[in-house]
């Protein structure tokens, strides 16, 4: 819905709101008043030192003012800086080389607001280069902090795949590092697919572009390894690869990452957090893929060894089979039956002999026992001529006193029985009366 404000009556001046919060749709501030208010607020700010990188410096000969653009080293934030020509000349004389784009500097100045264009600027009064020593000290402090967090621990390093399906490559635009990686990798493994992201590898936008490229490649399906490559350069040129945000993005990547930054002596923090540190882009190419020629030679050698081992095994099995075939049992299978029959007959004969011997011994023992039994039995006594006498009641007569004259007695002989009558009996000698 559109609201239409009513203008004041002719000849009447509308009073302006004193504060911004008192403005309304019916009583707004004119734009010039807002610009004036902003200018008054900004002018109250004191001098400030800020750090950034010079990304654009326009020198205008004969002009009283010079302008440059200062960009934040980590974020996509920039600010226009103005300075008097004489101030820039004094700064150039104090520096080893005249100030130029790409320099990392600290600027002292006062914020100003240009009301005509509605832009904020920094009126510079002094510009100083950030020394390499200061930058390295900051990097060393960051290195200790990240190391304490465990981002450089060996346990976090992931092994690189033997043969990646696709390689993600982050490199400079049209850089030699790209050729070093792609050409040398494809010389080792022809047809290796690459997903290449050409970005700024130095300057104010390097951190942002390299970080975005790593995250994009890490999120892509089918990329098994990411290579971040840059050729050698001065210490200042490699500073983006020691940026905390970039290093943390590399540590958070799920895909194994290879760092190929600078030369052997260079050691940006990305090298420490990467899963593998390559000394050069060419070294990275050798590391991410195997050498097809060497693998072919190794495969041929393995095949030859396998063939030799298989032949030896077959020969050994054939010799064993020949030995089995040479056995008599294989030429005449009935021999095993005959051998077992012979063994069975021999066992039977041994059993028969053993049984006969046992029976013979048992018979001898039986005859001896029978003889002893016969000798001790009453029948044996009778067979020797003795007779058993019994009374009619069956009682055995053992003494002459057991009978008297006229008694009938029964006599049991070795063969048969008899009946007799006692006609007399003599008492034992011990019972015969003696003469006094």
Protein backbone atom coordinates (compact mmCIF):
# COMPACT_ATOMS: atom_id res chain seq x y z
CA UNK A 1 0.00 0.00 0.00
CA UNK A 2 1.34 3.45 -0.98
CA UNK A 3 0.91 6.29 1.48
CA UNK A 4 0.81 9.84 0.11
CA UNK A 5 2.09 12.52 2.53
CA UNK A 6 0.44 15.90 2.51
CA UNK A 7 2.77 18.87 1.93
CA UNK A 8 2.58 21.79 4.40
CA UNK A 9 0.26 24.63 3.64
CA UNK A 10 1.69 27.44 1.53
CA UNK A 11 3.62 29.94 3.60
CA UNK A 12 4.10 27.53 6.52
CA UNK A 13 7.63 26.08 7.25
CA UNK A 14 7.60 22.50 8.49
CA UNK A 15 9.82 22.04 11.59
CA UNK A 16 12.44 19.30 11.08
CA UNK A 17 12.90 16.45 13.55
CA UNK A 18 15.84 16.95 15.84
CA UNK A 19 16.82 13.26 16.08
CA UNK A 20 16.71 10.44 13.56
CA UNK A 21 14.28 8.43 15.66
CA UNK A 22 11.87 11.40 15.61
CA UNK A 23 11.53 11.38 11.79
CA UNK A 24 8.29 10.12 10.25
CA UNK A 25 6.90 9.56 6.81
CA UNK A 26 5.13 12.91 7.12
CA UNK A 27 8.18 14.70 8.52
CA UNK A 28 11.36 13.15 6.95
CA UNK A 29 14.86 14.56 6.85
CA UNK A 30 16.14 15.94 3.59
CA UNK A 31 19.04 13.90 2.22
CA UNK A 32 21.45 16.79 2.71
CA UNK A 33 20.65 16.81 6.40
CA UNK A 34 21.34 13.07 6.73
CA UNK A 35 24.65 13.54 4.90
CA UNK A 36 25.54 16.41 7.19
CA UNK A 37 24.66 14.35 10.27
CA UNK A 38 26.85 11.45 9.07
CA UNK A 39 29.68 13.86 8.32
CA UNK A 40 29.42 15.36 11.80
CA UNK A 41 29.45 11.88 13.38
CA UNK A 42 32.41 10.64 11.35
CA UNK A 43 34.39 13.80 11.98
CA UNK A 44 34.29 13.06 15.70
CA UNK A 45 36.32 9.86 15.17
CA UNK A 46 39.99 10.00 16.11
CA UNK A 47 42.94 8.93 14.05
CA UNK A 48 43.21 5.16 13.60
CA UNK A 49 45.78 2.66 12.32
CA UNK A 50 44.35 0.03 9.94
CA UNK A 51 45.98 -2.88 8.14
CA UNK A 52 45.22 -4.02 4.61
CA UNK A 53 46.57 -4.55 1.12
CA UNK A 54 46.86 -1.95 -1.59
CA UNK A 55 44.86 -3.27 -4.56
CA UNK A 56 44.66 -0.10 -6.64
CA UNK A 57 46.83 3.01 -6.63
CA UNK A 58 46.11 5.75 -9.13
CA UNK A 59 48.89 8.32 -9.38
CA UNK A 60 47.68 11.52 -10.99
CA UNK A 61 50.56 13.76 -11.96
CA UNK A 62 49.98 17.40 -11.06
CA UNK A 63 46.96 16.65 -8.83
CA UNK A 64 46.90 17.75 -5.24
CA UNK A 65 45.25 14.52 -4.02
CA UNK A 66 46.05 10.90 -4.74
CA UNK A 67 43.70 7.93 -4.24
CA UNK A 68 44.16 4.24 -3.56
CA UNK A 69 41.95 1.31 -2.50
CA UNK A 70 42.78 -0.63 0.64
CA UNK A 71 41.37 -4.17 0.91
CA UNK A 72 41.16 -6.41 3.96
CA UNK A 73 43.59 -9.34 3.78
CA UNK A 74 41.03 -11.92 4.95
CA UNK A 75 37.58 -10.61 4.00
CA UNK A 76 36.00 -9.04 0.94
CA UNK A 77 36.01 -5.55 2.44
CA UNK A 78 37.62 -2.49 0.87
CA UNK A 79 37.90 1.22 1.63
CA UNK A 80 38.93 4.22 -0.43
CA UNK A 81 41.97 6.06 0.89
CA UNK A 82 42.90 9.59 -0.09
CA UNK A 83 46.13 11.38 0.68
CA UNK A 84 47.85 14.54 -0.34
CA UNK A 85 50.39 14.26 -3.13
CA UNK A 86 53.11 15.62 -0.88
CA UNK A 87 52.27 12.98 1.74
CA UNK A 88 52.57 10.20 -0.88
CA UNK A 89 55.89 11.60 -2.05
CA UNK A 90 57.23 11.57 1.51
CA UNK A 91 56.03 7.99 1.94
CA UNK A 92 57.72 6.92 -1.30
CA UNK A 93 60.99 8.46 -0.15
CA UNK A 94 60.81 6.58 3.16
CA UNK A 95 60.16 3.18 1.52
CA UNK A 96 62.75 1.00 -0.24
CA UNK A 97 60.57 1.16 -3.36
CA UNK A 98 57.67 3.45 -4.27
CA UNK A 99 54.33 2.32 -2.91
CA UNK A 100 52.48 0.11 -5.41
CA UNK A 101 49.54 -2.28 -5.70
CA UNK A 102 49.90 -5.54 -3.82
CA UNK A 103 51.78 -4.07 -0.89
CA UNK A 104 50.62 -5.03 2.57
CA UNK A 105 50.55 -1.88 4.67
CA UNK A 106 49.31 -0.23 7.82
CA UNK A 107 47.75 3.21 7.32
CA UNK A 108 47.24 5.96 9.83
CA UNK A 109 44.44 8.32 8.98
CA UNK A 110 41.19 9.98 9.91
CA UNK A 111 37.86 8.75 8.54
CA UNK A 112 36.04 11.35 6.44
CA UNK A 113 32.63 11.38 4.80
CA UNK A 114 32.14 13.04 1.42
CA UNK A 115 28.63 14.40 1.49
CA UNK A 116 28.28 15.04 -2.25
CA UNK A 117 28.77 11.36 -3.14
CA UNK A 118 27.81 9.81 0.14
CA UNK A 119 31.07 7.87 0.42
CA UNK A 120 33.32 7.09 3.37
CA UNK A 121 37.04 7.59 2.92
CA UNK A 122 40.17 7.47 4.99
CA UNK A 123 42.38 10.54 4.77
CA UNK A 124 45.81 8.99 5.13
CA UNK A 125 48.57 10.76 7.00
CA UNK A 126 51.13 7.95 7.12
CA UNK A 127 51.59 4.61 5.35
CA UNK A 128 54.06 1.94 6.42
CA UNK A 129 54.85 -1.46 4.94
CA UNK A 130 54.17 -4.48 7.11
CA UNK A 131 57.61 -6.03 7.55
CA UNK A 132 58.25 -9.64 6.65
CA UNK A 133 59.51 -10.24 10.17
CA UNK A 134 56.22 -9.07 11.63
CA UNK A 135 54.25 -11.29 9.24
CA UNK A 136 56.38 -14.32 10.03
CA UNK A 137 55.99 -13.68 13.75
CA UNK A 138 52.22 -13.62 13.34
CA UNK A 139 52.34 -16.84 11.31
CA UNK A 140 54.49 -18.50 13.96
CA UNK A 141 51.99 -17.51 16.65
CA UNK A 142 49.15 -18.89 14.55
CA UNK A 143 51.14 -22.06 13.92
CA UNK A 144 51.55 -22.68 17.65
CA UNK A 145 47.85 -22.06 18.24
CA UNK A 146 46.74 -24.46 15.49
CA UNK A 147 49.28 -27.06 16.60
CA UNK A 148 47.87 -26.90 20.12
CA UNK A 149 44.43 -27.61 18.65
CA UNK A 150 45.81 -30.75 16.99
CA UNK A 151 45.29 -29.63 13.37
CA UNK A 152 48.81 -30.74 12.44
CA UNK A 153 48.75 -34.13 14.22
CA UNK A 154 49.85 -37.14 12.22
CA UNK A 155 46.73 -39.04 13.35
CA UNK A 156 44.60 -36.65 11.28
CA UNK A 157 46.48 -37.36 8.07
CA UNK A 158 44.47 -39.48 5.64
CA UNK A 159 46.14 -41.80 3.14
CA UNK A 160 45.95 -40.79 -0.50
CA UNK A 161 44.05 -43.15 -2.83
CA UNK A 162 46.11 -45.46 -5.00
CA UNK A 163 44.34 -44.34 -8.17
CA UNK A 164 41.83 -41.47 -7.81
CA UNK A 165 38.76 -41.43 -10.03
CA UNK A 166 39.09 -37.65 -10.48
CA UNK A 167 41.60 -35.11 -9.20
CA UNK A 168 40.58 -31.66 -8.00
CA UNK A 169 43.20 -29.00 -8.76
CA UNK A 170 43.33 -25.49 -7.33
CA UNK A 171 45.92 -23.34 -9.08
CA UNK A 172 46.62 -19.92 -10.52
CA UNK A 173 45.12 -18.75 -13.78
CA UNK A 174 47.30 -19.93 -16.65
CA UNK A 175 50.04 -20.88 -14.20
CA UNK A 176 52.97 -23.16 -14.81
CA UNK A 177 51.98 -25.09 -11.69
CA UNK A 178 48.83 -26.26 -13.48
CA UNK A 179 50.85 -27.64 -16.38
CA UNK A 180 53.33 -29.27 -13.99
CA UNK A 181 50.57 -31.16 -12.22
CA UNK A 182 48.33 -32.04 -15.16
CA UNK A 183 51.05 -32.91 -17.70
CA UNK A 184 53.21 -34.93 -15.32
CA UNK A 185 50.24 -36.75 -13.82
CA UNK A 186 48.93 -37.73 -17.25
CA UNK A 187 52.39 -38.82 -18.32
CA UNK A 188 52.26 -41.27 -15.45
CA UNK A 189 48.62 -42.24 -15.96
CA UNK A 190 47.20 -41.20 -19.35
CA UNK A 191 43.65 -39.91 -19.43
CA UNK A 192 43.50 -39.02 -15.73
CA UNK A 193 40.45 -36.71 -15.33
CA UNK A 194 40.91 -33.35 -13.59
CA UNK A 195 38.47 -30.85 -12.13
CA UNK A 196 40.43 -27.59 -12.27
CA UNK A 197 39.66 -24.36 -10.43
CA UNK A 198 41.80 -21.43 -11.54
CA UNK A 199 41.91 -18.80 -8.82
CA UNK A 200 44.07 -15.96 -7.56
CA UNK A 201 47.01 -17.45 -5.69
CA UNK A 202 48.35 -14.16 -4.40
CA UNK A 203 46.92 -10.80 -3.56
CA UNK A 204 43.91 -9.69 -1.58
CA UNK A 205 41.42 -12.12 -3.14
CA UNK A 206 43.65 -15.20 -2.93
CA UNK A 207 42.41 -16.37 0.46
CA UNK A 208 38.75 -16.06 -0.47
CA UNK A 209 39.09 -17.72 -3.89
CA UNK A 210 41.33 -20.58 -2.78
CA UNK A 211 39.10 -21.31 0.22
CA UNK A 212 35.97 -21.32 -1.94
CA UNK A 213 37.63 -23.61 -4.49
CA UNK A 214 38.67 -26.14 -1.81
CA UNK A 215 35.16 -26.23 -0.36
CA UNK A 216 33.57 -26.58 -3.81
CA UNK A 217 35.83 -29.46 -4.86
CA UNK A 218 35.42 -31.16 -1.48
CA UNK A 219 31.65 -31.17 -1.95
CA UNK A 220 31.79 -32.69 -5.46
CA UNK A 221 31.07 -36.39 -5.94
CA UNK A 222 33.81 -38.51 -7.48
CA UNK A 223 36.80 -36.35 -6.51
CA UNK A 224 39.16 -38.50 -4.47
CA UNK A 225 42.03 -36.06 -3.91
CA UNK A 226 42.51 -32.28 -4.04
CA UNK A 227 45.79 -30.62 -5.02
CA UNK A 228 46.49 -26.99 -4.14
CA UNK A 229 49.43 -25.95 -6.31
CA UNK A 230 51.42 -22.77 -6.69
CA UNK A 231 54.90 -22.16 -7.99
CA UNK A 232 57.61 -20.60 -5.91
CA UNK A 233 57.57 -16.99 -4.85
CA UNK A 234 58.62 -14.51 -2.24
CA UNK A 235 57.52 -14.94 1.34
CA UNK A 236 54.92 -12.20 0.87
CA UNK A 237 53.44 -14.05 -2.11
CA UNK A 238 52.88 -17.19 -0.06
CA UNK A 239 51.18 -15.43 2.85
CA UNK A 240 47.62 -16.33 1.75
CA UNK A 241 48.44 -20.01 2.27
CA UNK A 242 49.14 -19.32 5.95
CA UNK A 243 45.80 -17.59 6.48
CA UNK A 244 43.85 -19.04 9.40
CA UNK A 245 40.55 -19.26 7.53
CA UNK A 246 42.11 -21.05 4.56
CA UNK A 247 44.02 -23.45 6.81
CA UNK A 248 40.89 -24.32 8.78
CA UNK A 249 38.93 -24.88 5.57
CA UNK A 250 41.62 -27.31 4.39
CA UNK A 251 41.56 -29.11 7.76
CA UNK A 252 37.77 -29.47 7.57
CA UNK A 253 37.84 -31.01 4.07
CA UNK A 254 36.75 -34.65 3.91
CA UNK A 255 38.75 -35.29 0.73
CA UNK A 256 42.50 -35.98 1.13
CA UNK A 257 44.43 -32.81 0.30
CA UNK A 258 47.90 -32.37 -1.19
CA UNK A 259 49.73 -29.08 -0.70
CA UNK A 260 52.23 -28.11 -3.40
CA UNK A 261 53.04 -24.53 -2.43
CA UNK A 262 56.39 -22.91 -3.07
CA UNK A 263 59.62 -24.85 -2.98
CA UNK A 264 61.30 -27.26 -0.59
CA UNK A 265 62.43 -24.48 1.76
CA UNK A 266 58.98 -22.84 1.91
CA UNK A 267 56.60 -24.02 4.60
CA UNK A 268 53.24 -22.22 4.69
CA UNK A 269 50.75 -23.47 7.25
CA UNK A 270 48.74 -25.20 4.52
CA UNK A 271 51.66 -27.63 4.16
CA UNK A 272 51.33 -28.60 7.83
CA UNK A 273 47.59 -29.25 7.77
CA UNK A 274 47.55 -31.03 4.39
CA UNK A 275 47.44 -34.82 4.28
CA UNK A 276 50.57 -34.80 2.11
CA UNK A 277 53.11 -32.05 1.52
CA UNK A 278 54.65 -32.08 -1.94
CA UNK A 279 57.90 -30.21 -2.39
CA UNK A 280 56.84 -29.01 -5.88
CA UNK A 281 53.80 -29.31 -8.16
CA UNK A 282 55.72 -31.95 -10.13
CA UNK A 283 56.24 -33.92 -6.92
CA UNK A 284 52.49 -33.67 -6.28
CA UNK A 285 51.81 -35.16 -9.72
CA UNK A 286 54.11 -38.09 -8.92
CA UNK A 287 52.40 -38.64 -5.61
CA UNK A 288 48.72 -38.58 -6.56
CA UNK A 289 48.86 -41.28 -9.27
CA UNK A 290 50.99 -44.36 -9.86
CA UNK A 291 53.28 -44.70 -12.88
CA UNK A 292 51.45 -46.81 -15.45
CA UNK A 293 54.73 -48.02 -16.98
CA UNK A 294 56.10 -49.11 -13.61
CA UNK A 295 52.81 -50.69 -12.65
CA UNK A 296 52.76 -52.55 -15.97
CA UNK A 297 56.30 -53.83 -15.37
CA UNK A 298 55.35 -54.81 -11.85
CA UNK A 299 52.22 -56.54 -13.13
CA UNK A 300 54.20 -58.45 -15.75
CA UNK A 301 56.73 -59.45 -13.10
CA UNK A 302 53.96 -60.57 -10.79
CA UNK A 303 52.37 -62.56 -13.59
CA UNK A 304 55.72 -64.21 -14.36
CA UNK A 305 56.25 -65.09 -10.69
CA UNK A 306 52.69 -66.40 -10.44
CA UNK A 307 53.16 -68.44 -13.61
CA UNK A 308 56.44 -69.88 -12.27
CA UNK A 309 54.91 -70.71 -8.90
CA UNK A 310 51.91 -72.32 -10.60
CA UNK A 311 54.17 -74.37 -12.87
CA UNK A 312 56.21 -75.53 -9.88
CA UNK A 313 53.06 -76.48 -8.04
CA UNK A 314 51.72 -78.37 -11.04
CA UNK A 315 55.04 -80.22 -11.44
CA UNK A 316 55.02 -81.17 -7.77
CA UNK A 317 51.43 -82.39 -7.98
CA UNK A 318 52.23 -84.33 -11.16
CA UNK A 319 55.19 -86.02 -9.48
CA UNK A 320 53.00 -86.96 -6.56
CA UNK A 321 50.37 -88.32 -8.94
CA UNK A 322 52.99 -90.33 -10.83
CA UNK A 323 54.22 -91.82 -7.56
CA UNK A 324 50.70 -92.80 -6.64
CA UNK A 325 50.14 -94.33 -10.05
CA UNK A 326 53.40 -96.31 -9.75
CA UNK A 327 52.19 -98.09 -6.64
CA UNK A 328 51.18 -101.80 -7.12
CA UNK A 329 47.71 -101.07 -5.87
CA UNK A 330 47.13 -98.77 -8.82
CA UNK A 331 48.33 -101.35 -11.39
CA UNK A 332 46.38 -104.27 -9.81
CA UNK A 333 43.63 -103.05 -7.40
CA UNK A 334 42.93 -106.70 -6.32
CA UNK A 335 46.33 -106.86 -4.64
CA UNK A 336 45.00 -105.00 -1.66
CA UNK A 337 42.27 -107.65 -1.25
CA UNK A 338 44.82 -110.42 -1.57
CA UNK A 339 47.09 -108.79 0.95
CA UNK A 340 44.23 -108.39 3.38
CA UNK A 341 43.17 -112.05 2.85
CA UNK A 342 46.72 -113.18 3.59
CA UNK A 343 46.74 -111.07 6.71
CA UNK A 344 43.32 -112.50 7.68
CA UNK A 345 44.53 -116.12 7.18
CA UNK A 346 47.61 -115.41 9.25
CA UNK A 347 45.45 -113.90 11.99
CA UNK A 348 43.13 -116.88 11.93
CA UNK A 349 46.11 -119.25 12.22
CA UNK A 350 47.50 -117.30 15.15
CA UNK A 351 44.10 -117.41 16.83
CA UNK A 352 43.80 -121.17 16.18
CA UNK A 353 47.25 -121.89 17.58
CA UNK A 354 46.59 -119.72 20.55
CA UNK A 355 43.27 -121.43 21.23
CA UNK A 356 44.80 -124.93 20.89
CA UNK A 357 47.57 -124.00 23.29
CA UNK A 358 45.07 -122.58 25.77
CA UNK A 359 42.91 -125.73 25.51
CA UNK A 360 45.90 -127.98 26.02
CA UNK A 361 46.93 -126.13 29.15
CA UNK A 362 43.35 -126.18 30.41
CA UNK A 363 43.07 -129.94 29.77
CA UNK A 364 46.30 -130.59 31.68
CA UNK A 365 45.07 -128.51 34.57
CA UNK A 366 41.74 -130.32 34.51
CA UNK A 367 43.42 -133.77 34.61
CA UNK A 368 45.59 -132.72 37.50
CA UNK A 369 42.65 -131.39 39.45
CA UNK A 370 40.67 -134.50 38.64
CA UNK A 371 43.50 -136.69 39.92
CA UNK A 372 43.70 -134.70 43.14
CA UNK A 373 39.95 -134.87 43.53
CA UNK A 374 39.88 -138.61 42.86
CA UNK A 375 42.63 -139.20 45.38
CA UNK A 376 40.74 -137.32 48.06
CA UNK A 377 37.24 -138.69 47.35
CA UNK A 378 35.66 -141.62 49.38
CA UNK A 379 35.31 -143.58 46.18
CA UNK A 380 39.01 -143.48 45.79
CA UNK A 381 39.48 -144.90 49.22
CA UNK A 382 37.02 -147.66 48.43
CA UNK A 383 38.81 -148.38 45.16
CA UNK A 384 41.90 -149.11 47.19
CA UNK A 385 40.07 -151.95 49.06
CA UNK A 386 38.53 -150.15 51.95
CA UNK A 387 34.86 -150.61 53.03
CA UNK A 388 32.47 -148.24 54.75
CA UNK A 389 30.35 -149.87 57.42
CA UNK A 390 27.05 -148.37 58.40
CA UNK A 391 24.44 -149.29 60.95
CA UNK A 392 20.90 -150.02 59.77
CA UNK A 393 19.98 -146.45 60.55
CA UNK A 394 22.66 -145.19 58.17
CA UNK A 395 25.17 -144.05 60.81
CA UNK A 396 28.79 -144.77 59.87
CA UNK A 397 30.53 -147.18 62.22
CA UNK A 398 33.84 -145.72 63.26
CA UNK A 399 34.52 -147.73 66.43
CA UNK A 400 33.97 -151.28 67.70
CA UNK A 401 32.00 -149.79 70.53
CA UNK A 402 29.37 -148.66 68.01
CA UNK A 403 28.23 -152.30 67.52
CA UNK A 404 27.64 -155.41 69.61
CA UNK A 405 27.44 -159.03 68.89
CA UNK A 406 24.54 -160.01 66.75
CA UNK A 407 24.01 -156.54 65.16
CA UNK A 408 23.33 -156.41 61.43
CA UNK A 409 25.60 -153.98 59.59
CA UNK A 410 25.79 -152.74 55.96
CA UNK A 411 29.09 -152.63 54.11
CA UNK A 412 29.64 -150.26 51.18
CA UNK A 413 32.28 -151.60 48.84
CA UNK A 414 34.01 -150.05 45.84
CA UNK A 415 31.49 -151.92 43.78
CA UNK A 416 28.22 -152.93 45.39
CA UNK A 417 27.00 -153.43 49.01
CA UNK A 418 26.76 -156.27 51.51
CA UNK A 419 24.91 -157.08 54.78
CA UNK A 420 26.72 -158.86 57.63
CA UNK A 421 26.11 -159.85 61.28
CA UNK A 422 28.56 -158.99 64.02
CA UNK A 423 29.85 -162.09 65.72
CA UNK A 424 32.29 -160.21 67.90
CA UNK A 425 34.08 -156.90 68.39
CA UNK A 426 37.34 -155.86 69.99
CA UNK A 427 37.72 -152.69 71.87
CA UNK A 428 40.63 -150.32 71.29
CA UNK A 429 43.86 -151.24 72.99
CA UNK A 430 43.67 -148.21 75.22
CA UNK A 431 40.42 -149.61 76.74
CA UNK A 432 41.68 -153.26 77.43
CA UNK A 433 41.95 -153.83 81.24
CA UNK A 434 45.48 -154.42 82.45
CA UNK A 435 46.59 -156.71 85.33
CA UNK A 436 47.57 -154.99 88.48
